Amino acid sequence: MAKEAERKFLVSRSDWRQFAEPGIAIVQFYIASTNERSVRVRIRKGAEATLTVKFGGDKRIRDEFEYPIPPHEAREMMQFAIGSVIEKTRHLVRHRGHVYEVDVFAGVLAGLVVAELETEAEVPDEMLPAWLGREVTGQAEYYNASLARHGLPELAR
């Protein structure tokens, strides 16, 4: 079992792009989701798939179990998706020794850009990149399972 400790931010500027690694296309969906747990299927680059179970809701530290699954089975499971299927491109951006995952959403969530920082150590605000906007860590409406079920949060529109 892995512990996932993350901070989540809206991205307010586009200058992160100059530091970004090439993006990876991701399609993901949820086959079970409550406030305290979720079961997600993710397909990367159309060729790699994982099944992920998360426990802990909107807490900053959650328990996460992830398993590879055959991509054709992942595509078959898509018919059982709860809410919308999420389409996004993930870019890795390095800043001051940390790696930020910047997700640029498409489809029904087009226009939303969110950055996640997964780290065990606390990163002081003054060490964060200037292109980050408002922190939304712990705000359940910005977690992917909620985005799939409810769409864009009112404040992000």
Protein backbone atom coordinates (compact mmCIF):
# COMPACT_ATOMS: atom_id res chain seq x y z
CA MET A 1 0.00 0.00 0.00
CA ALA A 2 1.26 3.45 -0.89
CA LYS A 3 0.41 6.66 0.88
CA GLU A 4 -0.34 9.54 -1.44
CA ALA A 5 0.47 12.99 -0.01
CA GLU A 6 -0.42 15.75 -2.40
CA ARG A 7 -1.12 19.43 -2.71
CA LYS A 8 -3.36 20.64 -5.51
CA PHE A 9 -3.42 24.07 -7.16
CA LEU A 10 -5.23 25.82 -9.96
CA VAL A 11 -2.74 27.08 -12.55
CA SER A 12 -3.04 30.80 -13.13
CA ARG A 13 -0.40 31.44 -15.81
CA SER A 14 0.94 29.63 -18.84
CA ASP A 15 4.68 30.21 -18.35
CA TRP A 16 4.99 26.71 -16.86
CA ARG A 17 4.93 25.43 -20.43
CA GLN A 18 8.49 26.55 -21.10
CA PHE A 19 9.70 24.10 -18.43
CA ALA A 20 7.31 21.23 -19.22
CA GLU A 21 8.25 17.81 -20.47
CA PRO A 22 6.22 16.46 -23.40
CA GLY A 23 2.64 15.71 -22.41
CA ILE A 24 1.08 12.30 -21.94
CA ALA A 25 -2.51 11.75 -23.07
CA ILE A 26 -4.68 10.30 -20.30
CA VAL A 27 -8.24 9.02 -20.36
CA GLN A 28 -9.66 8.12 -16.97
CA PHE A 29 -12.98 7.26 -15.45
CA TYR A 30 -14.48 6.04 -12.23
CA ILE A 31 -16.41 2.83 -11.77
CA ALA A 32 -17.11 3.51 -8.09
CA SER A 33 -16.90 6.75 -6.16
CA THR A 34 -17.99 8.08 -2.78
CA ASN A 35 -16.63 10.87 -0.59
CA GLU A 36 -14.31 8.43 1.18
CA ARG A 37 -13.17 6.07 -1.59
CA SER A 38 -12.91 5.68 -5.32
CA VAL A 39 -12.09 3.09 -7.96
CA ARG A 40 -10.48 4.60 -11.04
CA VAL A 41 -9.41 3.21 -14.39
CA ARG A 42 -6.75 5.17 -16.27
CA ILE A 43 -5.44 4.63 -19.79
CA ARG A 44 -2.15 6.35 -20.66
CA LYS A 45 -1.00 6.91 -24.23
CA GLY A 46 -3.82 4.61 -25.33
CA ALA A 47 -1.62 1.63 -24.49
CA GLU A 48 -1.07 1.35 -20.71
CA ALA A 49 -3.86 0.93 -18.18
CA THR A 50 -4.17 0.84 -14.41
CA LEU A 51 -6.89 0.20 -11.87
CA THR A 52 -6.51 2.38 -8.76
CA VAL A 53 -8.37 2.21 -5.47
CA LYS A 54 -8.10 5.23 -3.15
CA PHE A 55 -9.29 5.61 0.42
CA GLY A 56 -9.43 8.84 2.37
CA GLY A 57 -11.71 11.23 0.53
CA ASP A 58 -10.49 14.80 0.44
CA LYS A 59 -7.73 14.34 3.00
CA ARG A 60 -4.23 15.45 2.07
CA ILE A 61 -2.83 11.98 2.72
CA ARG A 62 -4.73 9.04 1.27
CA ASP A 63 -4.17 5.31 0.93
CA GLU A 64 -3.73 4.23 -2.66
CA PHE A 65 -3.51 0.81 -4.32
CA GLU A 66 -2.68 0.64 -8.05
CA TYR A 67 -2.56 -2.35 -10.39
CA PRO A 68 -1.76 -2.72 -14.10
CA ILE A 69 -4.60 -4.11 -16.20
CA PRO A 70 -4.84 -5.01 -19.89
CA PRO A 71 -5.76 -1.90 -21.93
CA HIS A 72 -8.53 -3.73 -23.81
CA GLU A 73 -10.18 -4.59 -20.48
CA ALA A 74 -9.87 -0.96 -19.38
CA ARG A 75 -11.66 0.15 -22.56
CA GLU A 76 -14.39 -2.44 -21.93
CA MET A 77 -14.88 -1.09 -18.39
CA MET A 78 -15.50 2.40 -19.76
CA GLN A 79 -19.15 1.45 -20.37
CA PHE A 80 -19.54 1.33 -16.56
CA ALA A 81 -18.13 4.84 -16.00
CA ILE A 82 -19.85 6.99 -13.41
CA GLY A 83 -20.33 10.50 -14.75
CA SER A 84 -18.03 11.83 -17.46
CA VAL A 85 -14.92 10.25 -18.86
CA ILE A 86 -12.02 12.60 -18.14
CA GLU A 87 -9.64 13.53 -20.93
CA LYS A 88 -6.44 15.36 -20.08
CA THR A 89 -2.82 15.82 -21.01
CA ARG A 90 -0.33 15.53 -18.16
CA HIS A 91 2.90 17.47 -18.23
CA LEU A 92 5.71 17.05 -15.72
CA VAL A 93 7.29 20.34 -14.68
CA ARG A 94 10.39 20.47 -12.50
CA HIS A 95 10.84 23.37 -10.10
CA ARG A 96 13.35 23.69 -7.24
CA GLY A 97 13.87 19.96 -6.87
CA HIS A 98 10.19 19.01 -7.04
CA VAL A 99 8.10 17.59 -9.87
CA TYR A 100 4.67 19.10 -10.50
CA GLU A 101 2.07 17.21 -12.51
CA VAL A 102 0.20 19.78 -14.58
CA ASP A 103 -3.04 18.45 -16.04
CA VAL A 104 -4.60 20.31 -18.96
CA PHE A 105 -8.17 19.08 -19.25
CA ALA A 106 -10.10 18.66 -22.50
CA GLY A 107 -13.65 17.64 -23.37
CA VAL A 108 -16.31 18.61 -20.82
CA LEU A 109 -13.60 20.01 -18.50
CA ALA A 110 -11.80 22.08 -21.16
CA GLY A 111 -10.19 25.20 -19.75
CA LEU A 112 -9.32 23.68 -16.39
CA VAL A 113 -5.59 23.44 -15.62
CA VAL A 114 -4.56 21.91 -12.29
CA ALA A 115 -1.13 21.20 -10.82
CA GLU A 116 -0.41 18.55 -8.19
CA LEU A 117 2.66 18.29 -6.03
CA GLU A 118 3.19 14.90 -4.41
CA THR A 119 5.84 15.10 -1.73
CA GLU A 120 6.44 13.82 1.76
CA ALA A 121 8.10 17.05 2.90
CA GLU A 122 6.23 20.31 3.36
CA VAL A 123 7.15 22.86 0.68
CA PRO A 124 6.99 26.46 1.96
CA ASP A 125 4.82 28.80 -0.09
CA GLU A 126 7.83 30.93 -1.07
CA MET A 127 9.36 27.86 -2.78
CA LEU A 128 6.31 27.29 -4.99
CA PRO A 129 6.45 28.40 -8.64
CA ALA A 130 4.88 31.75 -9.51
CA TRP A 131 2.61 30.16 -12.14
CA LEU A 132 0.58 28.38 -9.48
CA GLY A 133 -2.72 29.98 -8.58
CA ARG A 134 -5.07 29.31 -5.70
CA GLU A 135 -4.43 26.19 -3.64
CA VAL A 136 -7.39 23.80 -3.71
CA THR A 137 -5.94 20.99 -1.58
CA GLY A 138 -8.74 19.38 0.38
CA GLN A 139 -11.47 20.97 -1.74
CA ALA A 140 -13.27 17.85 -2.91
CA GLU A 141 -14.87 19.57 -5.92
CA TYR A 142 -11.41 19.76 -7.57
CA TYR A 143 -10.60 16.07 -7.23
CA ASN A 144 -10.95 14.04 -10.41
CA ALA A 145 -13.68 11.77 -9.05
CA SER A 146 -15.80 14.83 -8.25
CA LEU A 147 -15.00 16.45 -11.61
CA ALA A 148 -16.19 13.27 -13.34
CA ARG A 149 -19.43 13.20 -11.36
CA HIS A 150 -20.26 16.92 -11.16
CA GLY A 151 -18.26 18.75 -13.84
CA LEU A 152 -16.42 22.03 -13.37
CA PRO A 153 -16.75 23.68 -9.98
CA GLU A 154 -18.62 26.99 -10.07
CA LEU A 155 -15.48 28.98 -9.13
CA ALA A 156 -13.48 27.45 -12.00
CA ARG A 157 -15.95 28.46 -14.73
